[in-house]
PDB file of N, CA and C in Angstrom:
ATOM      1  N   MET A   1       0.841  -1.182   0.000  1.00  0.00           N
ATOM      2  CA  MET A   1       0.000   0.000   0.000  1.00  0.00           C
ATOM      3  C   MET A   1       0.892   1.254   0.000  1.00  0.00           C
ATOM      4  N   THR A   2       0.427   2.290  -0.673  1.00  0.00           N
ATOM      5  CA  THR A   2       1.232   3.506  -0.749  1.00  0.00           C
ATOM      6  C   THR A   2       1.107   4.317   0.534  1.00  0.00           C
ATOM      7  N   ASN A   3       2.138   5.017   0.839  1.00  0.00           N
ATOM      8  CA  ASN A   3       2.097   5.843   2.049  1.00  0.00           C
ATOM      9  C   ASN A   3       1.627   7.259   1.712  1.00  0.00           C
ATOM     10  N   GLU A   4       1.469   8.070   2.718  1.00  0.00           N
ATOM     11  CA  GLU A   4       0.949   9.435   2.543  1.00  0.00           C
ATOM     12  C   GLU A   4       1.834  10.283   1.628  1.00  0.00           C
ATOM     13  N   ALA A   5       3.140  10.160   1.760  1.00  0.00           N
ATOM     14  CA  ALA A   5       4.049  10.958   0.930  1.00  0.00           C
ATOM     15  C   ALA A   5       3.890  10.608  -0.548  1.00  0.00           C
ATOM     16  N   GLU A   6       3.735   9.318  -0.846  1.00  0.00           N
ATOM     17  CA  GLU A   6       3.541   8.907  -2.232  1.00  0.00           C
ATOM     18  C   GLU A   6       2.209   9.421  -2.776  1.00  0.00           C
ATOM     19  N   LEU A   7       1.169   9.366  -1.954  1.00  0.00           N
ATOM     20  CA  LEU A   7      -0.134   9.886  -2.371  1.00  0.00           C
ATOM     21  C   LEU A   7      -0.068  11.385  -2.651  1.00  0.00           C
ATOM     22  N   GLU A   8       0.604  12.119  -1.794  1.00  0.00           N
ATOM     23  CA  GLU A   8       0.742  13.558  -2.003  1.00  0.00           C
ATOM     24  C   GLU A   8       1.532  13.855  -3.271  1.00  0.00           C
ATOM     25  N   ALA A   9       2.558  13.062  -3.544  1.00  0.00           N
ATOM     26  CA  ALA A   9       3.349  13.253  -4.759  1.00  0.00           C
ATOM     27  C   ALA A   9       2.495  12.988  -5.999  1.00  0.00           C
ATOM     28  N   ILE A  10       1.665  11.950  -5.938  1.00  0.00           N
ATOM     29  CA  ILE A  10       0.775  11.637  -7.062  1.00  0.00           C
ATOM     30  C   ILE A  10      -0.248  12.752  -7.250  1.00  0.00           C
ATOM     31  N   LYS A  11      -0.824  13.245  -6.157  1.00  0.00           N
ATOM     32  CA  LYS A  11      -1.789  14.350  -6.232  1.00  0.00           C
ATOM     33  C   LYS A  11      -1.144  15.583  -6.864  1.00  0.00           C
ATOM     34  N   HIS A  12       0.063  15.880  -6.426  1.00  0.00           N
ATOM     35  CA  HIS A  12       0.777  17.051  -6.936  1.00  0.00           C
ATOM     36  C   HIS A  12       1.045  16.904  -8.435  1.00  0.00           C
ATOM     37  N   GLN A  13       1.501  15.732  -8.851  1.00  0.00           N
ATOM     38  CA  GLN A  13       1.783  15.502 -10.269  1.00  0.00           C
ATOM     39  C   GLN A  13       0.508  15.588 -11.098  1.00  0.00           C
ATOM     40  N   ASN A  14      -0.577  15.036 -10.586  1.00  0.00           N
ATOM     41  CA  ASN A  14      -1.858  15.116 -11.298  1.00  0.00           C
ATOM     42  C   ASN A  14      -2.344  16.556 -11.406  1.00  0.00           C
ATOM     43  N   ALA A  15      -2.140  17.342 -10.366  1.00  0.00           N
ATOM     44  CA  ALA A  15      -2.542  18.751 -10.392  1.00  0.00           C
ATOM     45  C   ALA A  15      -1.745  19.520 -11.441  1.00  0.00           C
ATOM     46  N   ILE A  16      -0.462  19.243 -11.529  1.00  0.00           N
ATOM     47  CA  ILE A  16       0.385  19.901 -12.535  1.00  0.00           C
ATOM     48  C   ILE A  16      -0.078  19.529 -13.939  1.00  0.00           C
ATOM     49  N   THR A  17      -0.330  18.240 -14.156  1.00  0.00           N
ATOM     50  CA  THR A  17      -0.795  17.769 -15.460  1.00  0.00           C
ATOM     51  C   THR A  17      -2.131  18.403 -15.826  1.00  0.00           C
ATOM     52  N   LEU A  18      -3.036  18.479 -14.867  1.00  0.00           N
ATOM     53  CA  LEU A  18      -4.346  19.079 -15.099  1.00  0.00           C
ATOM     54  C   LEU A  18      -4.225  20.558 -15.465  1.00  0.00           C
ATOM     55  N   GLU A  19      -3.375  21.290 -14.764  1.00  0.00           N
ATOM     56  CA  GLU A  19      -3.180  22.713 -15.065  1.00  0.00           C
ATOM     57  C   GLU A  19      -2.606  22.911 -16.465  1.00  0.00           C
ATOM     58  N   LYS A  20      -1.647  22.080 -16.849  1.00  0.00           N
ATOM     59  CA  LYS A  20      -1.068  22.189 -18.191  1.00  0.00           C
ATOM     60  C   LYS A  20      -2.131  21.940 -19.256  1.00  0.00           C
ATOM     61  N   GLN A  21      -2.950  20.910 -19.037  1.00  0.00           N
ATOM     62  CA  GLN A  21      -3.999  20.587 -19.998  1.00  0.00           C
ATOM     63  C   GLN A  21      -5.042  21.704 -20.056  1.00  0.00           C
ATOM     64  N   LYS A  22      -5.390  22.248 -18.901  1.00  0.00           N
ATOM     65  CA  LYS A  22      -6.367  23.334 -18.852  1.00  0.00           C
ATOM     66  C   LYS A  22      -5.879  24.541 -19.647  1.00  0.00           C
ATOM     67  N   TRP A  23      -4.598  24.896 -19.500  1.00  0.00           N
ATOM     68  CA  TRP A  23      -4.069  26.052 -20.218  1.00  0.00           C
ATOM     69  C   TRP A  23      -3.945  25.784 -21.709  1.00  0.00           C
ATOM     70  N   GLN A  24      -3.673  24.533 -22.094  1.00  0.00           N
ATOM     71  CA  GLN A  24      -3.648  24.201 -23.519  1.00  0.00           C
ATOM     72  C   GLN A  24      -5.033  24.409 -24.129  1.00  0.00           C
ATOM     73  N   PHE A  25      -6.073  23.949 -23.429  1.00  0.00           N
ATOM     74  CA  PHE A  25      -7.438  24.139 -23.909  1.00  0.00           C
ATOM     75  C   PHE A  25      -7.794  25.620 -23.962  1.00  0.00           C
ATOM     76  N   ARG A  26      -7.379  26.376 -22.971  1.00  0.00           N
ATOM     77  CA  ARG A  26      -7.687  27.812 -22.930  1.00  0.00           C
ATOM     78  C   ARG A  26      -7.011  28.545 -24.085  1.00  0.00           C
ATOM     79  N   LYS A  27      -5.744  28.200 -24.355  1.00  0.00           N
ATOM     80  CA  LYS A  27      -5.039  28.830 -25.468  1.00  0.00           C
ATOM     81  C   LYS A  27      -5.715  28.498 -26.794  1.00  0.00           C
ATOM     82  N   GLN A  28      -6.168  27.257 -26.949  1.00  0.00           N
ATOM     83  CA  GLN A  28      -6.861  26.860 -28.171  1.00  0.00           C
ATOM     84  C   GLN A  28      -8.186  27.615 -28.300  1.00  0.00           C
ATOM     85  N   GLU A  29      -8.900  27.751 -27.195  1.00  0.00           N
ATOM     86  CA  GLU A  29     -10.160  28.489 -27.204  1.00  0.00           C
ATOM     87  C   GLU A  29      -9.933  29.944 -27.624  1.00  0.00           C
ATOM     88  N   LEU A  30      -8.902  30.571 -27.086  1.00  0.00           N
ATOM     89  CA  LEU A  30      -8.599  31.958 -27.448  1.00  0.00           C
ATOM     90  C   LEU A  30      -8.229  32.085 -28.921  1.00  0.00           C
ATOM     91  N   THR A  31      -7.534  31.095 -29.453  1.00  0.00           N
ATOM     92  CA  THR A  31      -7.189  31.097 -30.871  1.00  0.00           C
ATOM     93  C   THR A  31      -8.447  31.056 -31.724  1.00  0.00           C
ATOM     94  N   PHE A  32      -9.401  30.193 -31.335  1.00  0.00           N
ATOM     95  CA  PHE A  32     -10.658  30.110 -32.082  1.00  0.00           C
ATOM     96  C   PHE A  32     -11.454  31.404 -31.976  1.00  0.00           C
ATOM     97  N   LEU A  33     -11.491  31.996 -30.790  1.00  0.00           N
ATOM     98  CA  LEU A  33     -12.215  33.255 -30.614  1.00  0.00           C
ATOM     99  C   LEU A  33     -11.607  34.362 -31.467  1.00  0.00           C
ATOM    100  N   GLU A  34     -10.284  34.416 -31.492  1.00  0.00           N
ATOM    101  CA  GLU A  34      -9.603  35.429 -32.295  1.00  0.00           C
ATOM    102  C   GLU A  34      -9.877  35.214 -33.779  1.00  0.00           C
ATOM    103  N   ALA A  35      -9.860  33.966 -34.220  1.00  0.00           N
ATOM    104  CA  ALA A  35     -10.146  33.675 -35.626  1.00  0.00           C
ATOM    105  C   ALA A  35     -11.571  34.095 -35.974  1.00  0.00           C
ATOM    106  N   GLY A  36     -12.501  33.866 -35.065  1.00  0.00           N
ATOM    107  CA  GLY A  36     -13.888  34.272 -35.293  1.00  0.00           C
ATOM    108  C   GLY A  36     -14.027  35.776 -35.405  1.00  0.00           C
ATOM    109  N   GLN A  37     -13.286  36.507 -34.584  1.00  0.00           N
ATOM    110  CA  GLN A  37     -13.333  37.971 -34.649  1.00  0.00           C
ATOM    111  C   GLN A  37     -12.791  38.469 -35.985  1.00  0.00           C
ATOM    112  N   HIS A  38     -11.696  37.858 -36.442  1.00  0.00           N
ATOM    113  CA  HIS A  38     -11.134  38.252 -37.735  1.00  0.00           C
ATOM    114  C   HIS A  38     -12.113  37.942 -38.863  1.00  0.00           C
ATOM    115  N   LEU A  39     -12.767  36.797 -38.765  1.00  0.00           N
ATOM    116  CA  LEU A  39     -13.731  36.415 -39.790  1.00  0.00           C
ATOM    117  C   LEU A  39     -14.904  37.386 -39.821  1.00  0.00           C
ATOM    118  N   ARG A  40     -15.438  37.713 -38.652  1.00  0.00           N
ATOM    119  CA  ARG A  40     -16.555  38.663 -38.597  1.00  0.00           C
ATOM    120  C   ARG A  40     -16.135  40.036 -39.128  1.00  0.00           C
ATOM    121  N   ALA A  41     -14.928  40.461 -38.789  1.00  0.00           N
ATOM    122  CA  ALA A  41     -14.445  41.768 -39.253  1.00  0.00           C
ATOM    123  C   ALA A  41     -14.300  41.778 -40.769  1.00  0.00           C
ATOM    124  N   SER A  42     -13.799  40.697 -41.335  1.00  0.00           N
ATOM    125  CA  SER A  42     -13.623  40.671 -42.791  1.00  0.00           C
ATOM    126  C   SER A  42     -14.966  40.586 -43.498  1.00  0.00           C
ATOM    127  N   ILE A  43     -15.929  39.890 -42.905  1.00  0.00           N
ATOM    128  CA  ILE A  43     -17.262  39.813 -43.508  1.00  0.00           C
ATOM    129  C   ILE A  43     -17.939  41.177 -43.460  1.00  0.00           C
ATOM    130  N   SER A  44     -17.851  41.861 -42.331  1.00  0.00           N
ATOM    131  CA  SER A  44     -18.506  43.169 -42.228  1.00  0.00           C
ATOM    132  C   SER A  44     -17.832  44.199 -43.132  1.00  0.00           C
ATOM    133  N   SER A  45     -16.523  44.132 -43.279  1.00  0.00           N
ATOM    134  CA  SER A  45     -15.846  45.081 -44.168  1.00  0.00           C
ATOM    135  C   SER A  45     -16.132  44.749 -45.626  1.00  0.00           C
ATOM    136  N   PHE A  46     -16.363  43.497 -45.926  1.00  0.00           N
ATOM    137  CA  PHE A  46     -16.712  43.107 -47.292  1.00  0.00           C
ATOM    138  C   PHE A  46     -18.040  43.738 -47.695  1.00  0.00           C
ATOM    139  N   GLY A  47     -18.983  43.781 -46.775  1.00  0.00           N
ATOM    140  CA  GLY A  47     -20.289  44.372 -47.056  1.00  0.00           C
ATOM    141  C   GLY A  47     -20.213  45.862 -47.331  1.00  0.00           C
ATOM    142  N   LYS A  48     -19.259  46.557 -46.745  1.00  0.00           N
ATOM    143  CA  LYS A  48     -19.123  48.006 -46.941  1.00  0.00           C
ATOM    144  C   LYS A  48     -18.710  48.347 -48.368  1.00  0.00           C
ATOM    145  N   TYR A  49     -17.891  47.487 -48.959  1.00  0.00           N
ATOM    146  CA  TYR A  49     -17.333  47.795 -50.270  1.00  0.00           C
ATOM    147  C   TYR A  49     -18.057  47.083 -51.405  1.00  0.00           C
ATOM    148  N   ARG A  50     -19.071  46.368 -51.094  1.00  0.00           N
ATOM    149  CA  ARG A  50     -19.794  45.612 -52.105  1.00  0.00           C
ATOM    150  C   ARG A  50     -20.725  46.553 -52.878  1.00  0.00           C
ATOM    151  N   ALA A  51     -20.697  46.442 -54.180  1.00  0.00           N
ATOM    152  CA  ALA A  51     -21.563  47.284 -55.015  1.00  0.00           C
ATOM    153  C   ALA A  51     -22.951  46.662 -55.067  1.00  0.00           C
ATOM    154  N   TRP A  52     -23.960  47.441 -54.767  1.00  0.00           N
ATOM    155  CA  TRP A  52     -25.336  46.933 -54.801  1.00  0.00           C
ATOM    156  C   TRP A  52     -25.963  47.344 -56.055  1.00  0.00           C
TER     157      TRP A  52
END
């Protein structure tokens, strides 16, 4: 059976892994949000210059 120190080490390692994964997801989310803003901006500017 594992002792308390080993359990704490496992908890700590899992917390580090979870934080890294969380920030990877957050960075990806921000990339998608930024791409959406650029897309909306280009669509709205396209409408300004379109000849009707």
